[in-house]
Amino acid sequence: MTPTPGRGITPKALQYDMVWTTRRNKGVLHGPVADRFEELVAKACKNLGVELIKMDVILNYVHLRVRIEVAKDAEILLSAKQLVGKLKRLTAKHLRSEFKEIRKIPSMWTREQLIEDWELTSKDIREYLASKRGQDQNKKRENIAKPHAKPG
């Protein structure tokens, strides 16, 4: 809900859909790892005062729908980007310490995330994931095409 000009209507909460992927599209989010991830996210959201509406944990990506409360003075207590950052740091720290197969990956999550203030459809998520795969392939091509510096 956006404020209406001249009416001073302020939303009590903001709802966001957010998606982020594992580094290098590694399919590590399954079985006990996915279960532990869900526990960590649910607990973190509760501790931060964020309502977790939906959570889909797929092999190489996460889709969350959350509601973040807005203070009475219309200040957002926690932005969606801040929330994603906190969740990524927390889950990476715990999952990497608890599951040795994840320690082999240089880092758990990519830096990017998709955050929208409307409900993402499966098509939106597929397009985001396809764009991520395209970026990864372009980076590989750039690394191959870069000339090596000559020792000087």
Protein backbone atom coordinates (compact mmCIF):
# COMPACT_ATOMS: atom_id res chain seq x y z
CA MET A 1 0.00 0.00 0.00
CA THR A 2 1.50 3.33 -0.99
CA PRO A 3 0.68 6.61 0.69
CA THR A 4 -2.02 8.53 -1.12
CA PRO A 5 -1.02 12.16 -1.77
CA GLY A 6 -2.82 14.52 0.55
CA ARG A 7 -4.39 11.77 2.64
CA GLY A 8 -1.45 10.82 4.85
CA ILE A 9 -2.22 7.09 4.69
CA THR A 10 0.73 5.06 5.90
CA PRO A 11 0.91 1.29 5.62
CA LYS A 12 1.28 -0.72 8.82
CA ALA A 13 3.44 -3.30 7.08
CA LEU A 14 5.18 -3.82 3.77
CA GLN A 15 5.16 -7.16 1.99
CA TYR A 16 8.09 -8.33 -0.12
CA ASP A 17 8.98 -11.33 -2.23
CA MET A 18 12.68 -12.10 -2.33
CA VAL A 19 14.78 -14.61 -4.23
CA TRP A 20 18.49 -15.37 -4.03
CA THR A 21 20.70 -18.16 -5.28
CA THR A 22 23.58 -20.27 -4.10
CA ARG A 23 27.03 -19.40 -5.36
CA ARG A 24 27.83 -21.06 -8.70
CA ASN A 25 24.29 -22.51 -8.78
CA LYS A 26 25.36 -25.33 -6.50
CA GLY A 27 22.40 -27.56 -5.63
CA VAL A 28 23.19 -27.88 -1.91
CA LEU A 29 19.78 -26.93 -0.48
CA HIS A 30 18.28 -30.37 0.05
CA GLY A 31 17.68 -32.85 2.86
CA PRO A 32 19.11 -31.84 6.26
CA VAL A 33 20.70 -28.68 4.81
CA ALA A 34 17.33 -27.39 3.56
CA ASP A 35 15.66 -28.34 6.85
CA ARG A 36 18.30 -26.49 8.87
CA PHE A 37 18.08 -23.48 6.53
CA GLU A 38 14.32 -23.30 7.11
CA GLU A 39 14.80 -23.48 10.90
CA LEU A 40 17.41 -20.71 10.85
CA VAL A 41 15.31 -18.40 8.66
CA ALA A 42 12.12 -18.95 10.68
CA LYS A 43 13.95 -18.23 13.95
CA ALA A 44 15.74 -15.17 12.54
CA CYS A 45 12.52 -13.70 11.15
CA LYS A 46 10.79 -14.20 14.49
CA ASN A 47 13.68 -12.55 16.36
CA LEU A 48 13.67 -9.60 13.93
CA GLY A 49 9.90 -9.13 14.16
CA VAL A 50 9.38 -10.09 10.53
CA GLU A 51 6.40 -12.21 9.55
CA LEU A 52 7.43 -15.10 7.33
CA ILE A 53 4.50 -15.76 4.99
CA LYS A 54 6.03 -18.21 2.52
CA MET A 55 9.33 -20.04 2.14
CA ASP A 56 10.35 -22.21 -0.81
CA VAL A 57 13.79 -23.79 -0.60
CA ILE A 58 14.82 -25.33 -3.91
CA LEU A 59 18.18 -26.98 -4.67
CA ASN A 60 19.97 -23.79 -5.71
CA TYR A 61 17.69 -20.91 -4.73
CA VAL A 62 15.42 -19.57 -2.02
CA HIS A 63 12.09 -17.74 -2.39
CA LEU A 64 10.67 -15.93 0.64
CA ARG A 65 7.58 -13.80 1.11
CA VAL A 66 7.73 -11.64 4.22
CA ARG A 67 5.84 -8.82 5.89
CA ILE A 68 7.93 -6.12 7.57
CA GLU A 69 6.25 -3.86 10.11
CA VAL A 70 6.38 -0.08 9.75
CA ALA A 71 6.82 2.02 12.89
CA LYS A 72 4.17 4.53 13.95
CA ASP A 73 6.34 7.39 12.68
CA ALA A 74 6.31 5.73 9.21
CA GLU A 75 9.92 4.59 9.52
CA ILE A 76 10.70 1.18 8.13
CA LEU A 77 12.34 -0.73 10.95
CA LEU A 78 14.25 -3.03 8.61
CA SER A 79 14.55 -2.75 4.85
CA ALA A 80 14.09 -5.79 2.64
CA LYS A 81 17.70 -5.57 1.49
CA GLN A 82 18.94 -5.43 5.08
CA LEU A 83 16.82 -8.47 5.91
CA VAL A 84 18.24 -10.48 2.99
CA GLY A 85 21.77 -9.51 4.03
CA LYS A 86 21.16 -10.62 7.60
CA LEU A 87 19.60 -13.91 6.49
CA LYS A 88 22.41 -14.65 4.04
CA ARG A 89 25.12 -13.97 6.66
CA LEU A 90 23.39 -15.95 9.38
CA THR A 91 22.54 -18.99 7.27
CA ALA A 92 25.95 -19.11 5.58
CA LYS A 93 27.72 -18.97 8.95
CA HIS A 94 25.65 -21.77 10.50
CA LEU A 95 25.30 -24.02 7.45
CA ARG A 96 29.01 -23.83 6.64
CA SER A 97 29.94 -24.69 10.21
CA GLU A 98 27.44 -27.57 10.45
CA PHE A 99 27.77 -29.21 7.01
CA LYS A 100 31.26 -29.94 5.71
CA GLU A 101 30.09 -30.41 2.09
CA ILE A 102 29.13 -26.71 2.04
CA ARG A 103 32.57 -25.63 3.29
CA LYS A 104 33.97 -26.76 -0.07
CA ILE A 105 32.12 -23.91 -1.83
CA PRO A 106 34.13 -20.64 -1.64
CA SER A 107 31.02 -18.76 -0.51
CA MET A 108 27.45 -19.83 0.14
CA TRP A 109 25.37 -17.14 -1.62
CA THR A 110 25.69 -14.82 -4.60
CA ARG A 111 25.79 -11.09 -3.93
CA GLU A 112 22.63 -10.45 -5.92
CA GLN A 113 19.02 -10.91 -4.95
CA LEU A 114 15.63 -10.17 -6.46
CA ILE A 115 13.36 -8.15 -4.17
CA GLU A 116 9.92 -7.03 -5.28
CA ASP A 117 6.93 -5.55 -3.49
CA TRP A 118 4.47 -7.77 -5.36
CA GLU A 119 3.99 -11.52 -5.40
CA LEU A 120 6.49 -13.10 -7.74
CA THR A 121 5.15 -15.73 -10.09
CA SER A 122 7.04 -18.85 -11.05
CA LYS A 123 7.63 -17.17 -14.43
CA ASP A 124 9.27 -14.14 -12.71
CA ILE A 125 11.54 -16.46 -10.76
CA ARG A 126 12.44 -18.54 -13.84
CA GLU A 127 13.37 -15.35 -15.73
CA TYR A 128 15.53 -14.16 -12.83
CA LEU A 129 17.30 -17.53 -12.60
CA ALA A 130 17.81 -17.60 -16.39
CA SER A 131 19.35 -14.12 -16.28
CA LYS A 132 21.67 -15.30 -13.48
CA ARG A 133 22.80 -18.28 -15.57
CA GLY A 134 23.43 -15.92 -18.48
CA GLN A 135 25.56 -13.66 -16.27
CA ASP A 136 27.55 -16.64 -15.00
CA GLN A 137 28.25 -17.85 -18.54
CA ASN A 138 29.30 -14.35 -19.65
CA LYS A 139 31.72 -14.12 -16.70
CA LYS A 140 33.25 -17.47 -17.68
CA ARG A 141 33.68 -16.27 -21.27
CA GLU A 142 35.26 -13.00 -20.09
CA ASN A 143 37.72 -14.87 -17.88
CA ILE A 144 38.70 -17.14 -20.76
CA ALA A 145 39.01 -14.23 -23.21
CA LYS A 146 41.15 -12.02 -20.92
CA PRO A 147 44.76 -11.88 -22.05
CA HIS A 148 47.20 -12.75 -19.31
CA ALA A 149 49.46 -9.93 -18.19
CA LYS A 150 53.06 -10.32 -19.27
CA PRO A 151 55.58 -10.18 -16.47
CA GLY A 152 57.25 -6.87 -16.71
